[in-house]
Amino acid sequence: MEPHRWLPLEANPDVTNQFLKQLGIHPDWQFVDVYGMEPELLSMVPRPVCAVLLLFPITEKYETFRTEEEERIKAKGQDVKSSVYFMKQTINNACGTIGLIHAIANNRDKMNFETNSSLKKFLEDSLSMTPEERAKYLETYEAIRVTHESSAHEGQTESSSSSLSSPPCSSQPQVSHSRTKASPLCHSASLSWAKRNHVGPAKAPSPSIRLRRWRPLIRLPSVGLHSVAPSIDEKVDLHFIALVNVGGHLYELDGRKPFPINHGETSDDSFLEDAIEVCKKFMERDPEELRFNAIALSAA
């Protein structure tokens, strides 16, 4: 049986905020860009912050690390609070929506849901389910699928003459991810974190200095200057995870992994800085990669 596949979602605050609105969440909390890792750039992010979504490339280096990390945790164990809401990913390209669900579900006491919120109903229905059962429930939850598809079409694809052959934002961790040479689009269409749609230099920045934005949809055949909606069969090698604070601990929630990852203690005041430290580790593992993006869920 063919796995379920959705359109890729873009790591763009405009898109994610519209997505949350359509899911019935009052805009008391909004996603905003994280412009970089330096203190003066982090100070531009409105506080408090209750979640961070990180978009990053799935590379051979990352897959090696992920396997080693899983084996290490299975051998040594870790503490994960029972109150952490975690779900697996069984739908290809659904990592953006699952990241949003993780961000909202683990902060639902802060959210103001509309009466008929489809996400509120999903969370209430799935609260007592296992991570695997939640994944299966999402497969059949039409209201979220339709909203995801609408939001995915909101994102704009940068045009290029190159195409991508790497696996998608996959739900199958066992798939081998062959690293492909970065096409010119990765560099020429890398967007500055300080100003959307400003094309920055191709040189990879130091993780300690500046994050970069790359529009996380897909590379399509040349279509002039027009943006077109992606095909559902297009493959991308980018993946979303959520970072949240639950009970004073910072958790990485990735539906491709078998369990949440506890990154240690945090607080409401230090959460953004602590989450960015986790993001730095992802960038340091692939210092030549440009395709990293982070958005923060902040009080509006």
Protein backbone atom coordinates (compact mmCIF):
# COMPACT_ATOMS: atom_id res chain seq x y z
CA MET A 1 0.00 0.00 0.00
CA GLU A 2 1.35 3.42 -1.00
CA PRO A 3 2.15 5.68 1.97
CA HIS A 4 0.09 8.82 2.42
CA ARG A 5 1.72 11.90 0.89
CA TRP A 6 0.92 15.58 1.39
CA LEU A 7 2.25 18.72 -0.26
CA PRO A 8 5.34 20.20 1.43
CA LEU A 9 4.70 23.10 3.81
CA GLU A 10 6.80 26.25 3.87
CA ALA A 11 8.63 27.58 6.95
CA ASN A 12 7.15 31.03 6.52
CA PRO A 13 5.39 32.81 9.42
CA ASP A 14 2.72 34.16 7.08
CA VAL A 15 1.87 30.63 5.97
CA THR A 16 2.02 29.02 9.42
CA ASN A 17 -0.04 31.77 11.06
CA GLN A 18 -2.73 31.48 8.42
CA PHE A 19 -2.64 27.71 8.92
CA LEU A 20 -3.23 28.09 12.67
CA LYS A 21 -6.05 30.57 12.05
CA GLN A 22 -7.76 28.10 9.73
CA LEU A 23 -7.37 25.39 12.39
CA GLY A 24 -9.31 27.58 14.83
CA ILE A 25 -6.59 29.11 17.00
CA HIS A 26 -6.99 32.72 18.11
CA PRO A 27 -3.95 34.83 17.12
CA ASP A 28 -2.80 35.46 20.70
CA TRP A 29 0.34 33.59 19.67
CA GLN A 30 2.01 34.08 16.30
CA PHE A 31 5.00 32.60 14.52
CA VAL A 32 7.81 35.05 13.77
CA ASP A 33 11.16 34.79 12.03
CA VAL A 34 14.30 34.14 14.04
CA TYR A 35 16.87 36.29 12.26
CA GLY A 36 20.01 34.81 13.76
CA MET A 37 21.72 33.39 16.82
CA GLU A 38 23.47 36.46 18.16
CA PRO A 39 21.94 38.09 21.26
CA GLU A 40 21.03 41.29 19.43
CA LEU A 41 19.16 39.30 16.77
CA LEU A 42 17.41 37.09 19.31
CA SER A 43 16.33 40.24 21.12
CA MET A 44 14.21 41.08 18.07
CA VAL A 45 11.96 38.08 18.76
CA PRO A 46 8.90 39.04 20.86
CA ARG A 47 8.73 37.31 24.24
CA PRO A 48 7.61 35.03 25.68
CA VAL A 49 8.35 32.23 23.22
CA CYS A 50 6.71 28.85 23.77
CA ALA A 51 7.97 26.83 20.79
CA VAL A 52 10.52 26.91 17.99
CA LEU A 53 10.21 25.11 14.65
CA LEU A 54 13.49 24.24 12.94
CA LEU A 55 13.72 23.36 9.27
CA PHE A 56 16.92 21.55 8.29
CA PRO A 57 18.30 19.31 5.52
CA ILE A 58 18.36 15.55 5.96
CA THR A 59 21.91 14.62 4.99
CA GLU A 60 24.11 11.55 5.39
CA LYS A 61 25.85 13.25 8.33
CA TYR A 62 22.53 13.86 10.04
CA GLU A 63 21.25 10.33 9.41
CA THR A 64 24.44 8.89 10.90
CA PHE A 65 24.06 11.08 13.96
CA ARG A 66 20.35 10.22 14.31
CA THR A 67 21.08 6.49 14.31
CA GLU A 68 23.87 6.87 16.87
CA GLU A 69 21.70 9.10 19.06
CA GLU A 70 18.85 6.60 19.05
CA GLU A 71 21.17 3.73 19.98
CA ARG A 72 22.76 5.77 22.77
CA ILE A 73 19.42 6.75 24.30
CA LYS A 74 18.08 3.22 24.08
CA ALA A 75 21.17 1.99 25.89
CA LYS A 76 21.36 4.69 28.58
CA GLY A 77 17.75 5.83 28.80
CA GLN A 78 16.39 9.33 29.36
CA ASP A 79 13.69 11.05 31.37
CA VAL A 80 10.60 12.08 29.41
CA LYS A 81 7.63 13.52 31.25
CA SER A 82 4.34 11.75 30.63
CA SER A 83 2.75 15.13 29.87
CA VAL A 84 4.78 15.50 26.64
CA TYR A 85 2.47 15.19 23.63
CA PHE A 86 4.34 13.30 20.92
CA MET A 87 3.20 11.70 17.68
CA LYS A 88 4.91 9.69 14.96
CA GLN A 89 4.97 10.67 11.29
CA THR A 90 3.47 8.22 8.78
CA ILE A 91 2.54 10.76 6.08
CA ASN A 92 5.26 11.89 3.69
CA ASN A 93 5.77 15.68 3.67
CA ALA A 94 3.57 16.15 6.76
CA CYS A 95 6.48 17.13 9.02
CA GLY A 96 5.49 20.82 8.93
CA THR A 97 1.98 20.11 10.14
CA ILE A 98 3.22 17.62 12.73
CA GLY A 99 5.68 20.26 13.96
CA LEU A 100 2.79 22.71 14.35
CA ILE A 101 0.72 20.10 16.18
CA HIS A 102 3.62 19.39 18.54
CA ALA A 103 4.07 23.12 19.18
CA ILE A 104 0.39 23.74 19.94
CA ALA A 105 -0.33 20.47 21.77
CA ASN A 106 2.46 21.05 24.28
CA ASN A 107 1.26 24.61 24.89
CA ARG A 108 -2.49 24.04 24.71
CA ASP A 109 -3.00 25.62 28.13
CA LYS A 110 -1.73 28.91 26.62
CA MET A 111 -3.83 28.75 23.46
CA ASN A 112 -7.23 30.31 22.91
CA PHE A 113 -9.14 27.91 20.65
CA GLU A 114 -12.22 28.85 18.68
CA THR A 115 -15.35 26.90 19.62
CA ASN A 116 -15.31 24.81 16.45
CA SER A 117 -11.52 24.44 16.23
CA SER A 118 -10.59 21.32 14.25
CA LEU A 119 -7.18 21.18 15.93
CA LYS A 120 -8.73 21.39 19.39
CA LYS A 121 -10.97 18.43 18.55
CA PHE A 122 -8.00 16.48 17.17
CA LEU A 123 -6.00 17.07 20.35
CA GLU A 124 -8.89 16.18 22.62
CA ASP A 125 -9.60 13.00 20.67
CA SER A 126 -5.95 11.93 20.53
CA LEU A 127 -4.80 12.90 24.02
CA SER A 128 -5.08 9.34 25.37
CA MET A 129 -3.65 7.72 22.21
CA THR A 130 -0.14 6.37 21.69
CA PRO A 131 2.22 8.24 19.33
CA GLU A 132 1.52 5.62 16.67
CA GLU A 133 -2.24 5.88 17.10
CA ARG A 134 -2.08 9.67 16.80
CA ALA A 135 -0.22 9.27 13.50
CA LYS A 136 -2.88 6.93 12.15
CA TYR A 137 -5.62 9.26 13.34
CA LEU A 138 -4.04 12.16 11.44
CA GLU A 139 -4.09 10.06 8.26
CA THR A 140 -7.90 10.00 8.40
CA TYR A 141 -8.47 13.50 9.85
CA GLU A 142 -9.77 15.30 6.80
CA ALA A 143 -10.08 18.80 8.33
CA ILE A 144 -6.34 19.06 9.03
CA ARG A 145 -5.37 17.50 5.69
CA VAL A 146 -7.46 20.01 3.75
CA THR A 147 -6.04 22.92 5.78
CA HIS A 148 -2.49 21.65 5.25
CA GLU A 149 -3.05 21.44 1.49
CA SER A 150 -4.46 24.97 1.39
CA SER A 151 -1.51 26.32 3.38
CA ALA A 152 1.02 24.46 1.24
CA HIS A 153 -0.40 26.21 -1.84
CA GLU A 154 0.06 29.55 -0.05
CA GLY A 155 3.85 29.10 -0.11
CA GLN A 156 5.66 30.18 -3.25
CA THR A 157 8.23 28.04 -4.98
CA GLU A 158 11.39 29.68 -6.27
CA SER A 159 11.94 28.61 -9.88
CA SER A 160 15.09 26.89 -11.10
CA SER A 161 16.27 24.73 -13.91
CA SER A 162 17.49 22.07 -11.47
CA SER A 163 15.50 19.32 -9.81
CA LEU A 164 15.86 17.35 -6.61
CA SER A 165 16.36 13.60 -6.37
CA SER A 166 16.66 13.22 -2.61
CA PRO A 167 13.89 11.60 -0.54
CA PRO A 168 11.06 13.79 0.80
CA CYS A 169 10.38 14.97 4.30
CA SER A 170 9.98 11.28 4.88
CA SER A 171 7.99 9.39 7.44
CA GLN A 172 10.28 6.38 7.04
CA PRO A 173 13.55 6.73 9.02
CA GLN A 174 14.96 3.54 7.49
CA VAL A 175 15.07 5.04 4.00
CA SER A 176 18.62 5.74 2.89
CA HIS A 177 19.06 9.43 2.16
CA SER A 178 21.62 9.90 -0.60
CA ARG A 179 23.21 13.31 -0.39
CA THR A 180 22.96 15.18 -3.67
CA LYS A 181 25.12 18.05 -4.76
CA ALA A 182 23.41 21.34 -3.95
CA SER A 183 21.88 22.93 -7.01
CA PRO A 184 22.50 26.61 -7.78
CA LEU A 185 19.08 27.39 -6.32
CA CYS A 186 20.24 26.44 -2.84
CA HIS A 187 22.70 29.27 -3.02
CA SER A 188 21.21 31.89 -5.31
CA ALA A 189 17.77 31.63 -3.69
CA SER A 190 18.97 31.44 -0.11
CA LEU A 191 17.07 34.21 1.59
CA SER A 192 18.53 36.52 4.18
CA TRP A 193 17.09 36.08 7.65
CA ALA A 194 17.08 39.83 8.14
CA LYS A 195 14.96 40.60 5.11
CA ARG A 196 12.70 38.17 3.27
CA ASN A 197 13.24 38.00 -0.51
CA HIS A 198 16.70 39.55 -0.27
CA VAL A 199 19.17 37.19 -1.91
CA GLY A 200 22.23 36.79 0.25
CA PRO A 201 25.77 35.71 -0.68
CA ALA A 202 26.46 32.09 -1.45
CA LYS A 203 29.15 31.70 1.17
CA ALA A 204 28.02 29.57 4.10
CA PRO A 205 27.83 31.63 7.32
CA SER A 206 29.20 30.62 10.65
CA PRO A 207 26.44 29.11 12.82
CA SER A 208 27.46 31.47 15.60
CA ILE A 209 26.80 34.50 13.43
CA ARG A 210 23.76 34.25 11.20
CA LEU A 211 21.02 31.84 10.35
CA ARG A 212 19.85 31.74 6.77
CA ARG A 213 16.49 31.23 5.13
CA TRP A 214 15.89 28.94 2.21
CA ARG A 215 12.34 28.53 0.96
CA PRO A 216 11.60 24.92 1.82
CA LEU A 217 9.47 23.80 -1.02
CA ILE A 218 10.93 22.22 -4.12
CA ARG A 219 13.05 22.99 -7.12
CA LEU A 220 11.01 22.91 -10.30
CA PRO A 221 11.88 23.06 -13.98
CA SER A 222 12.40 26.59 -15.24
CA VAL A 223 9.14 28.48 -15.51
CA GLY A 224 10.50 31.98 -15.96
CA LEU A 225 9.81 34.27 -13.01
CA HIS A 226 6.46 32.75 -12.11
CA SER A 227 5.88 30.84 -8.88
CA VAL A 228 3.91 27.64 -9.25
CA ALA A 229 2.30 25.27 -6.80
CA PRO A 230 4.40 22.14 -6.16
CA SER A 231 3.43 18.70 -7.34
CA ILE A 232 2.51 16.28 -4.59
CA ASP A 233 5.05 13.83 -6.05
CA GLU A 234 7.99 16.22 -5.87
CA LYS A 235 10.64 15.17 -3.38
CA VAL A 236 12.47 17.38 -0.90
CA ASP A 237 15.14 16.52 1.61
CA LEU A 238 14.15 19.08 4.24
CA HIS A 239 12.50 18.30 7.55
CA PHE A 240 10.71 20.14 10.38
CA ILE A 241 11.08 19.47 14.09
CA ALA A 242 9.56 21.26 17.07
CA LEU A 243 11.37 22.39 20.22
CA VAL A 244 9.16 22.91 23.26
CA ASN A 245 9.37 23.51 27.00
CA VAL A 246 7.40 20.95 29.01
CA GLY A 247 7.75 21.00 32.77
CA GLY A 248 11.04 22.88 32.70
CA HIS A 249 12.74 20.59 30.18
CA LEU A 250 13.50 21.30 26.53
CA TYR A 251 12.24 18.56 24.23
CA GLU A 252 12.96 17.94 20.56
CA LEU A 253 9.90 16.42 18.91
CA ASP A 254 10.50 14.69 15.58
CA GLY A 255 7.94 12.27 14.19
CA ARG A 256 10.68 10.34 12.39
CA LYS A 257 12.26 9.43 15.73
CA PRO A 258 10.88 6.76 18.09
CA PHE A 259 10.63 9.11 21.07
CA PRO A 260 11.10 12.74 22.19
CA ILE A 261 14.67 13.89 22.87
CA ASN A 262 15.26 15.57 26.24
CA HIS A 263 17.85 18.33 25.80
CA GLY A 264 17.96 19.28 29.45
CA GLU A 265 16.54 21.95 31.71
CA THR A 266 15.10 25.22 30.48
CA SER A 267 12.77 27.97 31.68
CA ASP A 268 10.22 30.34 30.19
CA ASP A 269 12.80 33.13 30.31
CA SER A 270 15.67 31.18 28.74
CA PHE A 271 13.73 28.92 26.39
CA LEU A 272 14.49 30.75 23.13
CA GLU A 273 18.22 30.91 23.84
CA ASP A 274 18.25 27.26 24.94
CA ALA A 275 16.34 26.18 21.83
CA ILE A 276 18.75 28.10 19.59
CA GLU A 277 21.65 26.25 21.22
CA VAL A 278 20.03 23.03 20.00
CA CYS A 279 19.63 24.57 16.54
CA LYS A 280 23.34 25.43 16.52
CA LYS A 281 24.21 21.76 16.96
CA PHE A 282 22.23 20.88 13.84
CA MET A 283 24.10 23.54 11.87
CA GLU A 284 27.48 22.54 13.25
CA ARG A 285 26.97 18.97 12.04
CA ASP A 286 26.62 20.27 8.46
CA PRO A 287 28.69 23.49 8.36
CA GLU A 288 28.61 23.71 4.55
CA GLU A 289 24.81 23.56 4.39
CA LEU A 290 22.80 26.76 3.95
CA ARG A 291 19.29 25.35 4.22
CA PHE A 292 18.38 26.08 7.83
CA ASN A 293 15.42 28.11 9.01
CA ALA A 294 13.79 28.70 12.39
CA ILE A 295 10.54 30.34 13.37
CA ALA A 296 9.37 31.02 16.93
CA LEU A 297 5.87 30.87 18.38
CA SER A 298 5.65 34.14 20.32
CA ALA A 299 3.03 36.04 22.26
CA ALA A 300 1.40 38.51 19.90
